[in-house]
Amino acid sequence: MTEPRQIPVERFLLRAVGRTDVGAARTQNEDAMYYDDFLGVYVVCDGMGGHASGQVASDIAIRTIVHALKTNEPPPAYGQDPLVAAMRAANAAVYQRSLMDPTCHGMGTTAVGVRFEENLVHICHCGDSRAYLLRNGQLTHLTRDHSLRNLYQDRPDLIGTMGPATSNVIIRAIGLDANVEIEHNAMTPEHNDIYLLCCDGLNDLVDDWMIREIMTSGDSLEVVAENLIRAANNNGGTDNITVVLAQTFVDPLWIPQQQYSQSVTGY
């Protein structure tokens, strides 16, 4: 007999906006994004590869992730978060395309996403696209880049063995190999949280303190997203820039668990 499903103390309403820009130095945009308040799913991908194959990789990844989450195909393994399964499916799709199409050989993409599930938010990522949380005026990193620099920090014995640790060298991405590890964490959302997903075209050019200043300005999500992109372009715009902002609100019509139990008993 299965345990009865507990009713969450709070339910959250979601509202999101997304903006992407080619930047000041590039001629094509290899980023891709998806945001869906009904599904509670938000994803940013930053493609890489020559001859526009980065654009192909990010597009395949986004389409595969969304399809997997909407259809539950492939189904997640026992205990596996659906967004992890969706990103692994995206890895397989991008990798297979790179094998079949010579113009796409070696292509890949980063991926960062959040998925809301009742009173939890799941954060998944692969590569150096980031998730941030603005809560009570404080900006916090929710992800850590899968970069060579961070690998050397974790494993000093490997320093220099894989080349110089520049900030843009990543050691994990969607589509570079047949299998990939997706990092997954979960946390409890709170009222008026703002989750920021972005590619490195933003955070490489705009410091965290400036991101926080823009996000705490009191402007609408639309204006905040535009100002984040404007800040990156003003600092050179050397890469494509993509941001997705998702804000949480407690549903005022949701019946808390204790009140629900009392009303059922009284009935």
C-alpha atoms as a PDB file:
ATOM      1  CA  MET A   1       0.000   0.000   0.000  1.00  0.00           C
ATOM      2  CA  THR A   2       1.448   3.363  -0.981  1.00  0.00           C
ATOM      3  CA  GLU A   3       1.717   6.240   1.456  1.00  0.00           C
ATOM      4  CA  PRO A   4      -0.919   8.965   1.007  1.00  0.00           C
ATOM      5  CA  ARG A   5       0.346  11.910  -0.978  1.00  0.00           C
ATOM      6  CA  GLN A   6       0.944  14.891   1.297  1.00  0.00           C
ATOM      7  CA  ILE A   7      -0.603  18.219   0.383  1.00  0.00           C
ATOM      8  CA  PRO A   8       2.058  20.949   0.208  1.00  0.00           C
ATOM      9  CA  VAL A   9       1.873  23.732   2.779  1.00  0.00           C
ATOM     10  CA  GLU A  10       2.179  26.230  -0.070  1.00  0.00           C
ATOM     11  CA  ARG A  11       1.745  26.180  -3.813  1.00  0.00           C
ATOM     12  CA  PHE A  12       3.650  28.560  -6.023  1.00  0.00           C
ATOM     13  CA  LEU A  13       2.552  30.482  -9.056  1.00  0.00           C
ATOM     14  CA  LEU A  14       5.255  31.222 -11.606  1.00  0.00           C
ATOM     15  CA  ARG A  15       5.952  33.993 -14.045  1.00  0.00           C
ATOM     16  CA  ALA A  16       8.936  34.125 -16.382  1.00  0.00           C
ATOM     17  CA  VAL A  17      10.454  36.136 -19.185  1.00  0.00           C
ATOM     18  CA  GLY A  18      13.325  35.341 -21.524  1.00  0.00           C
ATOM     19  CA  ARG A  19      15.560  37.451 -23.711  1.00  0.00           C
ATOM     20  CA  THR A  20      18.382  36.557 -26.083  1.00  0.00           C
ATOM     21  CA  ASP A  21      20.739  38.760 -28.084  1.00  0.00           C
ATOM     22  CA  VAL A  22      23.454  38.036 -30.623  1.00  0.00           C
ATOM     23  CA  GLY A  23      25.819  40.421 -28.837  1.00  0.00           C
ATOM     24  CA  ALA A  24      28.091  43.063 -30.289  1.00  0.00           C
ATOM     25  CA  ALA A  25      30.768  40.815 -31.790  1.00  0.00           C
ATOM     26  CA  ARG A  26      28.986  37.741 -33.224  1.00  0.00           C
ATOM     27  CA  THR A  27      26.995  37.410 -36.439  1.00  0.00           C
ATOM     28  CA  GLN A  28      24.798  34.479 -35.357  1.00  0.00           C
ATOM     29  CA  ASN A  29      23.165  33.417 -32.145  1.00  0.00           C
ATOM     30  CA  GLU A  30      24.065  29.920 -30.953  1.00  0.00           C
ATOM     31  CA  ASP A  31      22.083  30.172 -27.710  1.00  0.00           C
ATOM     32  CA  ALA A  32      18.619  28.685 -27.193  1.00  0.00           C
ATOM     33  CA  MET A  33      16.099  28.970 -24.390  1.00  0.00           C
ATOM     34  CA  TYR A  34      12.722  27.695 -23.235  1.00  0.00           C
ATOM     35  CA  TYR A  35      10.373  28.890 -20.530  1.00  0.00           C
ATOM     36  CA  ASP A  36       6.938  27.565 -19.688  1.00  0.00           C
ATOM     37  CA  ASP A  37       5.071  28.706 -16.580  1.00  0.00           C
ATOM     38  CA  PHE A  38       2.460  25.962 -17.007  1.00  0.00           C
ATOM     39  CA  LEU A  39       5.064  23.179 -16.991  1.00  0.00           C
ATOM     40  CA  GLY A  40       7.232  25.054 -14.505  1.00  0.00           C
ATOM     41  CA  VAL A  41      10.285  24.401 -16.693  1.00  0.00           C
ATOM     42  CA  TYR A  42      12.986  26.894 -17.688  1.00  0.00           C
ATOM     43  CA  VAL A  43      16.121  26.054 -19.702  1.00  0.00           C
ATOM     44  CA  VAL A  44      19.052  27.886 -21.308  1.00  0.00           C
ATOM     45  CA  CYS A  45      21.565  26.274 -23.697  1.00  0.00           C
ATOM     46  CA  ASP A  46      24.767  27.738 -25.159  1.00  0.00           C
ATOM     47  CA  GLY A  47      25.887  25.883 -28.277  1.00  0.00           C
ATOM     48  CA  MET A  48      29.460  25.473 -29.439  1.00  0.00           C
ATOM     49  CA  GLY A  49      31.032  24.255 -32.639  1.00  0.00           C
ATOM     50  CA  GLY A  50      32.150  25.593 -36.013  1.00  0.00           C
ATOM     51  CA  HIS A  51      30.076  26.345 -39.123  1.00  0.00           C
ATOM     52  CA  ALA A  52      26.919  27.160 -37.100  1.00  0.00           C
ATOM     53  CA  SER A  53      26.831  23.677 -35.571  1.00  0.00           C
ATOM     54  CA  GLY A  54      26.620  25.259 -32.119  1.00  0.00           C
ATOM     55  CA  GLN A  55      23.240  26.625 -33.107  1.00  0.00           C
ATOM     56  CA  VAL A  56      22.215  23.153 -34.243  1.00  0.00           C
ATOM     57  CA  ALA A  57      23.344  21.620 -30.947  1.00  0.00           C
ATOM     58  CA  SER A  58      21.482  24.077 -28.715  1.00  0.00           C
ATOM     59  CA  ASP A  59      18.334  23.807 -30.828  1.00  0.00           C
ATOM     60  CA  ILE A  60      18.360  19.981 -30.727  1.00  0.00           C
ATOM     61  CA  ALA A  61      18.981  20.053 -26.980  1.00  0.00           C
ATOM     62  CA  ILE A  62      16.097  22.399 -26.224  1.00  0.00           C
ATOM     63  CA  ARG A  63      13.670  20.533 -28.488  1.00  0.00           C
ATOM     64  CA  THR A  64      14.640  17.171 -26.989  1.00  0.00           C
ATOM     65  CA  ILE A  65      14.399  18.388 -23.394  1.00  0.00           C
ATOM     66  CA  VAL A  66      10.950  19.871 -23.946  1.00  0.00           C
ATOM     67  CA  HIS A  67       9.695  16.773 -25.796  1.00  0.00           C
ATOM     68  CA  ALA A  68      10.972  14.458 -23.052  1.00  0.00           C
ATOM     69  CA  LEU A  69       9.328  16.481 -20.289  1.00  0.00           C
ATOM     70  CA  LYS A  70       5.993  16.766 -22.117  1.00  0.00           C
ATOM     71  CA  THR A  71       5.772  13.122 -23.185  1.00  0.00           C
ATOM     72  CA  ASN A  72       7.755  11.416 -20.399  1.00  0.00           C
ATOM     73  CA  GLU A  73       9.779   9.698 -23.142  1.00  0.00           C
ATOM     74  CA  PRO A  74      12.246   8.371 -22.367  1.00  0.00           C
ATOM     75  CA  PRO A  75      10.867   7.712 -18.881  1.00  0.00           C
ATOM     76  CA  PRO A  76      13.203   8.671 -16.027  1.00  0.00           C
ATOM     77  CA  ALA A  77      14.937   5.865 -14.183  1.00  0.00           C
ATOM     78  CA  TYR A  78      13.719   5.101 -10.663  1.00  0.00           C
ATOM     79  CA  GLY A  79      14.558   8.061  -8.426  1.00  0.00           C
ATOM     80  CA  GLN A  80      15.845  10.149 -11.333  1.00  0.00           C
ATOM     81  CA  ASP A  81      14.514  13.667 -11.785  1.00  0.00           C
ATOM     82  CA  PRO A  82      12.667  14.108 -15.104  1.00  0.00           C
ATOM     83  CA  LEU A  83      14.849  17.089 -16.048  1.00  0.00           C
ATOM     84  CA  VAL A  84      17.980  14.971 -15.589  1.00  0.00           C
ATOM     85  CA  ALA A  85      16.483  12.294 -17.854  1.00  0.00           C
ATOM     86  CA  ALA A  86      15.515  14.957 -20.400  1.00  0.00           C
ATOM     87  CA  MET A  87      19.025  16.414 -20.473  1.00  0.00           C
ATOM     88  CA  ARG A  88      20.520  12.953 -20.893  1.00  0.00           C
ATOM     89  CA  ALA A  89      18.144  12.372 -23.808  1.00  0.00           C
ATOM     90  CA  ALA A  90      19.337  15.671 -25.268  1.00  0.00           C
ATOM     91  CA  ASN A  91      22.914  14.486 -24.913  1.00  0.00           C
ATOM     92  CA  ALA A  92      22.133  11.342 -26.903  1.00  0.00           C
ATOM     93  CA  ALA A  93      20.333  13.316 -29.616  1.00  0.00           C
ATOM     94  CA  VAL A  94      23.107  15.885 -30.056  1.00  0.00           C
ATOM     95  CA  TYR A  95      25.806  13.207 -30.010  1.00  0.00           C
ATOM     96  CA  GLN A  96      24.023  11.086 -32.615  1.00  0.00           C
ATOM     97  CA  ARG A  97      23.605  14.073 -34.922  1.00  0.00           C
ATOM     98  CA  SER A  98      27.322  14.884 -34.579  1.00  0.00           C
ATOM     99  CA  LEU A  99      28.169  11.332 -35.669  1.00  0.00           C
ATOM    100  CA  MET A 100      25.854  11.354 -38.687  1.00  0.00           C
ATOM    101  CA  ASP A 101      26.521  14.877 -39.994  1.00  0.00           C
ATOM    102  CA  PRO A 102      30.155  15.717 -40.840  1.00  0.00           C
ATOM    103  CA  THR A 103      29.408  19.452 -40.582  1.00  0.00           C
ATOM    104  CA  CYS A 104      28.361  18.935 -36.964  1.00  0.00           C
ATOM    105  CA  HIS A 105      31.285  16.831 -35.816  1.00  0.00           C
ATOM    106  CA  GLY A 106      32.404  17.793 -32.323  1.00  0.00           C
ATOM    107  CA  MET A 107      29.464  20.081 -31.635  1.00  0.00           C
ATOM    108  CA  GLY A 108      27.981  20.383 -28.179  1.00  0.00           C
ATOM    109  CA  THR A 109      26.071  22.669 -25.882  1.00  0.00           C
ATOM    110  CA  THR A 110      25.868  23.654 -22.266  1.00  0.00           C
ATOM    111  CA  ALA A 111      22.528  23.319 -20.492  1.00  0.00           C
ATOM    112  CA  VAL A 112      21.091  24.762 -17.304  1.00  0.00           C
ATOM    113  CA  GLY A 113      17.507  24.355 -16.202  1.00  0.00           C
ATOM    114  CA  VAL A 114      15.102  24.524 -13.304  1.00  0.00           C
ATOM    115  CA  ARG A 115      11.936  22.509 -12.848  1.00  0.00           C
ATOM    116  CA  PHE A 116       9.292  23.327 -10.258  1.00  0.00           C
ATOM    117  CA  GLU A 117       7.420  20.489  -8.587  1.00  0.00           C
ATOM    118  CA  GLU A 118       4.914  21.529  -5.919  1.00  0.00           C
ATOM    119  CA  ASN A 119       7.117  22.726  -3.038  1.00  0.00           C
ATOM    120  CA  LEU A 120      10.474  21.889  -4.635  1.00  0.00           C
ATOM    121  CA  VAL A 121      12.595  23.382  -7.366  1.00  0.00           C
ATOM    122  CA  HIS A 122      15.074  21.121  -9.159  1.00  0.00           C
ATOM    123  CA  ILE A 123      18.250  22.679 -10.565  1.00  0.00           C
ATOM    124  CA  CYS A 124      20.125  20.750 -13.262  1.00  0.00           C
ATOM    125  CA  HIS A 125      23.149  21.772 -15.296  1.00  0.00           C
ATOM    126  CA  CYS A 126      25.969  20.619 -17.533  1.00  0.00           C
ATOM    127  CA  GLY A 127      28.757  22.997 -18.544  1.00  0.00           C
ATOM    128  CA  ASP A 128      29.188  26.636 -17.567  1.00  0.00           C
ATOM    129  CA  SER A 129      25.757  28.146 -18.105  1.00  0.00           C
ATOM    130  CA  ARG A 130      24.561  29.256 -14.697  1.00  0.00           C
ATOM    131  CA  ALA A 131      21.608  29.458 -12.353  1.00  0.00           C
ATOM    132  CA  TYR A 132      21.369  32.203  -9.754  1.00  0.00           C
ATOM    133  CA  LEU A 133      18.814  32.887  -7.029  1.00  0.00           C
ATOM    134  CA  LEU A 134      17.801  36.346  -5.823  1.00  0.00           C
ATOM    135  CA  ARG A 135      16.172  35.982  -2.400  1.00  0.00           C
ATOM    136  CA  ASN A 136      15.621  38.798   0.083  1.00  0.00           C
ATOM    137  CA  GLY A 137      17.992  41.011  -1.866  1.00  0.00           C
ATOM    138  CA  GLN A 138      20.858  38.496  -1.839  1.00  0.00           C
ATOM    139  CA  LEU A 139      22.206  36.905  -5.035  1.00  0.00           C
ATOM    140  CA  THR A 140      23.400  33.304  -4.719  1.00  0.00           C
ATOM    141  CA  HIS A 141      25.019  30.909  -7.194  1.00  0.00           C
ATOM    142  CA  LEU A 142      22.951  27.729  -7.544  1.00  0.00           C
ATOM    143  CA  THR A 143      25.399  26.041  -9.930  1.00  0.00           C
ATOM    144  CA  ARG A 144      29.158  25.660 -10.177  1.00  0.00           C
ATOM    145  CA  ASP A 145      30.783  25.733 -13.608  1.00  0.00           C
ATOM    146  CA  HIS A 146      32.062  22.441 -14.986  1.00  0.00           C
ATOM    147  CA  SER A 147      35.277  24.198 -15.977  1.00  0.00           C
ATOM    148  CA  LEU A 148      38.912  23.206 -16.132  1.00  0.00           C
ATOM    149  CA  ARG A 149      39.667  25.970 -13.636  1.00  0.00           C
ATOM    150  CA  ASN A 150      37.307  24.453 -11.065  1.00  0.00           C
ATOM    151  CA  LEU A 151      38.640  20.958 -11.759  1.00  0.00           C
ATOM    152  CA  TYR A 152      42.168  22.149 -10.958  1.00  0.00           C
ATOM    153  CA  GLN A 153      40.875  23.753  -7.756  1.00  0.00           C
ATOM    154  CA  ASP A 154      39.312  20.442  -6.725  1.00  0.00           C
ATOM    155  CA  ARG A 155      42.225  18.316  -7.920  1.00  0.00           C
ATOM    156  CA  PRO A 156      45.533  20.184  -7.481  1.00  0.00           C
ATOM    157  CA  ASP A 157      47.367  17.021  -8.539  1.00  0.00           C
ATOM    158  CA  LEU A 158      45.980  17.510 -12.054  1.00  0.00           C
ATOM    159  CA  ILE A 159      47.102  21.117 -12.489  1.00  0.00           C
ATOM    160  CA  GLY A 160      48.615  21.595 -15.938  1.00  0.00           C
ATOM    161  CA  THR A 161      47.913  18.086 -17.149  1.00  0.00           C
ATOM    162  CA  MET A 162      44.991  19.203 -19.324  1.00  0.00           C
ATOM    163  CA  GLY A 163      46.341  22.548 -20.469  1.00  0.00           C
ATOM    164  CA  PRO A 164      45.971  26.069 -19.094  1.00  0.00           C
ATOM    165  CA  ALA A 165      42.851  26.707 -17.006  1.00  0.00           C
ATOM    166  CA  THR A 166      41.284  29.641 -18.802  1.00  0.00           C
ATOM    167  CA  SER A 167      37.785  30.601 -17.706  1.00  0.00           C
ATOM    168  CA  ASN A 168      36.088  29.462 -20.920  1.00  0.00           C
ATOM    169  CA  VAL A 169      37.454  25.899 -21.012  1.00  0.00           C
ATOM    170  CA  ILE A 170      34.730  23.487 -19.908  1.00  0.00           C
ATOM    171  CA  ILE A 171      35.134  19.805 -19.152  1.00  0.00           C
ATOM    172  CA  ARG A 172      31.519  18.724 -19.493  1.00  0.00           C
ATOM    173  CA  ALA A 173      28.828  19.510 -22.061  1.00  0.00           C
ATOM    174  CA  ILE A 174      25.791  18.030 -23.780  1.00  0.00           C
ATOM    175  CA  GLY A 175      26.640  16.022 -26.913  1.00  0.00           C
ATOM    176  CA  LEU A 176      30.411  15.622 -26.658  1.00  0.00           C
ATOM    177  CA  ASP A 177      30.254  11.948 -25.697  1.00  0.00           C
ATOM    178  CA  ALA A 178      27.778   9.098 -25.668  1.00  0.00           C
ATOM    179  CA  ASN A 179      27.103   9.578 -21.963  1.00  0.00           C
ATOM    180  CA  VAL A 180      27.196  12.600 -19.710  1.00  0.00           C
ATOM    181  CA  GLU A 181      26.707  13.309 -16.030  1.00  0.00           C
ATOM    182  CA  ILE A 182      24.047  15.900 -15.214  1.00  0.00           C
ATOM    183  CA  GLU A 183      24.470  17.691 -11.911  1.00  0.00           C
ATOM    184  CA  HIS A 184      21.200  17.878  -9.967  1.00  0.00           C
ATOM    185  CA  ASN A 185      20.211  19.649  -6.776  1.00  0.00           C
ATOM    186  CA  ALA A 186      16.878  20.532  -5.221  1.00  0.00           C
ATOM    187  CA  MET A 187      15.702  23.220  -2.825  1.00  0.00           C
ATOM    188  CA  THR A 188      12.530  24.721  -1.399  1.00  0.00           C
ATOM    189  CA  PRO A 189      11.313  27.879  -3.126  1.00  0.00           C
ATOM    190  CA  GLU A 190      10.038  30.903  -1.238  1.00  0.00           C
ATOM    191  CA  HIS A 191       7.656  33.696  -2.059  1.00  0.00           C
ATOM    192  CA  ASN A 192       9.144  36.320  -4.405  1.00  0.00           C
ATOM    193  CA  ASP A 193      12.246  34.325  -5.329  1.00  0.00           C
ATOM    194  CA  ILE A 194      13.735  35.225  -8.708  1.00  0.00           C
ATOM    195  CA  TYR A 195      15.700  32.512 -10.510  1.00  0.00           C
ATOM    196  CA  LEU A 196      18.117  33.666 -13.216  1.00  0.00           C
ATOM    197  CA  LEU A 197      19.373  31.283 -15.899  1.00  0.00           C
ATOM    198  CA  CYS A 198      22.071  32.629 -18.188  1.00  0.00           C
ATOM    199  CA  CYS A 199      24.881  31.722 -20.532  1.00  0.00           C
ATOM    200  CA  ASP A 200      28.448  32.911 -20.018  1.00  0.00           C
ATOM    201  CA  GLY A 201      27.819  35.780 -22.415  1.00  0.00           C
ATOM    202  CA  LEU A 202      26.275  37.494 -19.399  1.00  0.00           C
ATOM    203  CA  ASN A 203      28.350  36.442 -16.393  1.00  0.00           C
ATOM    204  CA  ASP A 204      31.714  36.679 -18.187  1.00  0.00           C
ATOM    205  CA  LEU A 205      31.071  40.374 -18.814  1.00  0.00           C
ATOM    206  CA  VAL A 206      28.846  41.473 -15.927  1.00  0.00           C
ATOM    207  CA  ASP A 207      30.053  40.996 -12.348  1.00  0.00           C
ATOM    208  CA  ASP A 208      27.755  39.461  -9.759  1.00  0.00           C
ATOM    209  CA  TRP A 209      27.390  42.754  -7.885  1.00  0.00           C
ATOM    210  CA  MET A 210      26.089  44.429 -11.035  1.00  0.00           C
ATOM    211  CA  ILE A 211      23.727  41.545 -11.785  1.00  0.00           C
ATOM    212  CA  ARG A 212      22.359  41.967  -8.255  1.00  0.00           C
ATOM    213  CA  GLU A 213      21.988  45.725  -8.676  1.00  0.00           C
ATOM    214  CA  ILE A 214      19.978  45.238 -11.853  1.00  0.00           C
ATOM    215  CA  MET A 215      17.819  42.485 -10.361  1.00  0.00           C
ATOM    216  CA  THR A 216      17.001  44.499  -7.207  1.00  0.00           C
ATOM    217  CA  SER A 217      16.098  47.665  -9.114  1.00  0.00           C
ATOM    218  CA  GLY A 218      12.371  47.106  -8.650  1.00  0.00           C
ATOM    219  CA  ASP A 219      11.806  47.075 -12.403  1.00  0.00           C
ATOM    220  CA  SER A 220       9.601  44.513 -14.132  1.00  0.00           C
ATOM    221  CA  LEU A 221      11.103  41.184 -15.185  1.00  0.00           C
ATOM    222  CA  GLU A 222      11.004  42.369 -18.798  1.00  0.00           C
ATOM    223  CA  VAL A 223      13.038  45.489 -18.011  1.00  0.00           C
ATOM    224  CA  VAL A 224      15.457  43.545 -15.788  1.00  0.00           C
ATOM    225  CA  ALA A 225      16.123  41.040 -18.595  1.00  0.00           C
ATOM    226  CA  GLU A 226      16.715  43.828 -21.104  1.00  0.00           C
ATOM    227  CA  ASN A 227      19.019  45.683 -18.708  1.00  0.00           C
ATOM    228  CA  LEU A 228      21.086  42.563 -18.063  1.00  0.00           C
ATOM    229  CA  ILE A 229      21.632  42.127 -21.799  1.00  0.00           C
ATOM    230  CA  ARG A 230      22.358  45.835 -22.199  1.00  0.00           C
ATOM    231  CA  ALA A 231      24.998  45.651 -19.459  1.00  0.00           C
ATOM    232  CA  ALA A 232      26.770  42.763 -21.211  1.00  0.00           C
ATOM    233  CA  ASN A 233      26.722  44.599 -24.534  1.00  0.00           C
ATOM    234  CA  ASN A 234      27.998  47.776 -22.903  1.00  0.00           C
ATOM    235  CA  ASN A 235      30.950  45.766 -21.575  1.00  0.00           C
ATOM    236  CA  GLY A 236      31.876  44.514 -25.034  1.00  0.00           C
ATOM    237  CA  GLY A 237      29.155  42.019 -25.957  1.00  0.00           C
ATOM    238  CA  THR A 238      31.792  39.537 -27.028  1.00  0.00           C
ATOM    239  CA  ASP A 239      29.396  36.565 -27.026  1.00  0.00           C
ATOM    240  CA  ASN A 240      25.712  35.767 -27.434  1.00  0.00           C
ATOM    241  CA  ILE A 241      23.712  36.751 -24.351  1.00  0.00           C
ATOM    242  CA  THR A 242      20.680  34.860 -23.071  1.00  0.00           C
ATOM    243  CA  VAL A 243      18.757  35.274 -19.815  1.00  0.00           C
ATOM    244  CA  VAL A 244      15.634  33.659 -18.415  1.00  0.00           C
ATOM    245  CA  LEU A 245      14.089  35.068 -15.241  1.00  0.00           C
ATOM    246  CA  ALA A 246      11.466  33.087 -13.281  1.00  0.00           C
ATOM    247  CA  GLN A 247       9.696  34.559 -10.268  1.00  0.00           C
ATOM    248  CA  THR A 248       7.689  32.647  -7.648  1.00  0.00           C
ATOM    249  CA  PHE A 249       4.526  33.775  -5.866  1.00  0.00           C
ATOM    250  CA  VAL A 250       2.579  31.943  -3.178  1.00  0.00           C
ATOM    251  CA  ASP A 251      -0.876  31.058  -4.493  1.00  0.00           C
ATOM    252  CA  PRO A 252      -3.308  32.919  -2.195  1.00  0.00           C
ATOM    253  CA  LEU A 253      -6.105  30.437  -3.004  1.00  0.00           C
ATOM    254  CA  TRP A 254      -4.149  27.338  -1.978  1.00  0.00           C
ATOM    255  CA  ILE A 255      -5.449  25.599   1.171  1.00  0.00           C
ATOM    256  CA  PRO A 256      -2.602  24.759   3.594  1.00  0.00           C
ATOM    257  CA  GLN A 257      -2.355  21.113   4.641  1.00  0.00           C
ATOM    258  CA  GLN A 258      -3.450  21.642   8.237  1.00  0.00           C
ATOM    259  CA  GLN A 259      -6.506  23.692   7.248  1.00  0.00           C
ATOM    260  CA  TYR A 260      -7.370  21.134   4.557  1.00  0.00           C
ATOM    261  CA  SER A 261      -7.240  18.280   7.102  1.00  0.00           C
ATOM    262  CA  GLN A 262      -9.474  20.190   9.511  1.00  0.00           C
ATOM    263  CA  SER A 263     -12.026  21.003   6.803  1.00  0.00           C
ATOM    264  CA  VAL A 264     -12.179  17.352   5.714  1.00  0.00           C
ATOM    265  CA  THR A 265     -12.601  16.202   9.329  1.00  0.00           C
ATOM    266  CA  GLY A 266     -15.306  18.788   9.940  1.00  0.00           C
ATOM    267  CA  TYR A 267     -17.167  17.651   6.869  1.00  0.00           C
END
